[in-house]
């Protein structure tokens, strides 16, 4: 799996949207570890994994492409 394109300091102030590298849809999902917080009663993502990324729109494994909003 390729690493995503690097993000510059100027890009941090801009909105990024992950896209499916195959069909261009925004509905992509990736594997992660999350911990349960009993106080807030929510899951908190602790780590994204370098593994399975899937597009829910086309149903295929994909590489994320990033759209940078100005």
Protein backbone atom coordinates (compact mmCIF):
# COMPACT_ATOMS: atom_id res chain seq x y z
CA UNK A 1 0.00 0.00 0.00
CA UNK A 2 1.31 3.43 -0.95
CA UNK A 3 1.58 6.22 1.57
CA UNK A 4 -0.85 9.12 1.05
CA UNK A 5 0.40 12.29 -0.59
CA UNK A 6 2.21 14.55 1.91
CA UNK A 7 0.28 17.43 3.47
CA UNK A 8 2.04 20.80 3.78
CA UNK A 9 1.75 23.32 6.65
CA UNK A 10 -0.39 25.57 4.43
CA UNK A 11 -2.75 22.65 3.78
CA UNK A 12 -3.55 22.27 7.49
CA UNK A 13 -5.86 25.28 7.36
CA UNK A 14 -7.75 23.80 4.41
CA UNK A 15 -10.43 21.13 4.40
CA UNK A 16 -9.42 17.67 3.16
CA UNK A 17 -11.87 15.08 1.87
CA UNK A 18 -10.86 11.43 1.38
CA UNK A 19 -12.00 9.95 -1.94
CA UNK A 20 -12.06 6.48 -3.42
CA UNK A 21 -9.11 6.12 -5.78
CA UNK A 22 -11.25 3.95 -8.09
CA UNK A 23 -14.65 5.66 -8.40
CA UNK A 24 -14.10 9.04 -6.69
CA UNK A 25 -16.83 8.58 -4.05
CA UNK A 26 -16.45 10.16 -0.60
CA UNK A 27 -17.78 7.10 1.26
CA UNK A 28 -14.46 5.40 2.10
CA UNK A 29 -13.73 3.38 5.23
CA UNK A 30 -10.47 2.28 6.79
CA UNK A 31 -9.48 0.02 9.66
CA UNK A 32 -8.66 1.54 13.05
CA UNK A 33 -8.26 0.78 16.74
CA UNK A 34 -10.68 2.61 19.03
CA UNK A 35 -11.07 2.76 22.81
CA UNK A 36 -14.38 3.02 24.65
CA UNK A 37 -14.68 6.07 26.93
CA UNK A 38 -17.07 5.21 29.78
CA UNK A 39 -17.46 8.88 30.79
CA UNK A 40 -18.53 10.23 27.38
CA UNK A 41 -20.04 6.88 26.28
CA UNK A 42 -18.31 7.16 22.90
CA UNK A 43 -15.54 5.47 20.95
CA UNK A 44 -12.29 7.41 20.42
CA UNK A 45 -10.00 6.43 17.55
CA UNK A 46 -6.52 5.71 18.85
CA UNK A 47 -4.74 4.49 15.72
CA UNK A 48 -5.44 4.15 12.00
CA UNK A 49 -4.12 0.94 10.51
CA UNK A 50 -2.15 0.61 7.28
CA UNK A 51 -4.54 -1.97 6.02
CA UNK A 52 -7.89 -2.50 4.46
CA UNK A 53 -9.48 0.61 2.93
CA UNK A 54 -12.80 0.01 1.23
CA UNK A 55 -15.21 2.19 -0.75
CA UNK A 56 -18.81 1.71 0.37
CA UNK A 57 -20.06 3.14 -2.93
CA UNK A 58 -18.31 0.74 -5.33
CA UNK A 59 -17.63 -2.02 -2.77
CA UNK A 60 -13.98 -2.46 -3.73
CA UNK A 61 -10.64 -2.21 -1.97
CA UNK A 62 -9.12 1.16 -2.77
CA UNK A 63 -6.37 3.65 -2.09
CA UNK A 64 -7.50 6.98 -0.67
CA UNK A 65 -7.03 10.04 -2.85
CA UNK A 66 -7.34 13.41 -1.11
CA UNK A 67 -9.32 16.38 -2.39
CA UNK A 68 -8.04 19.66 -1.00
CA UNK A 69 -10.66 22.39 -0.55
CA UNK A 70 -9.52 25.99 -0.65
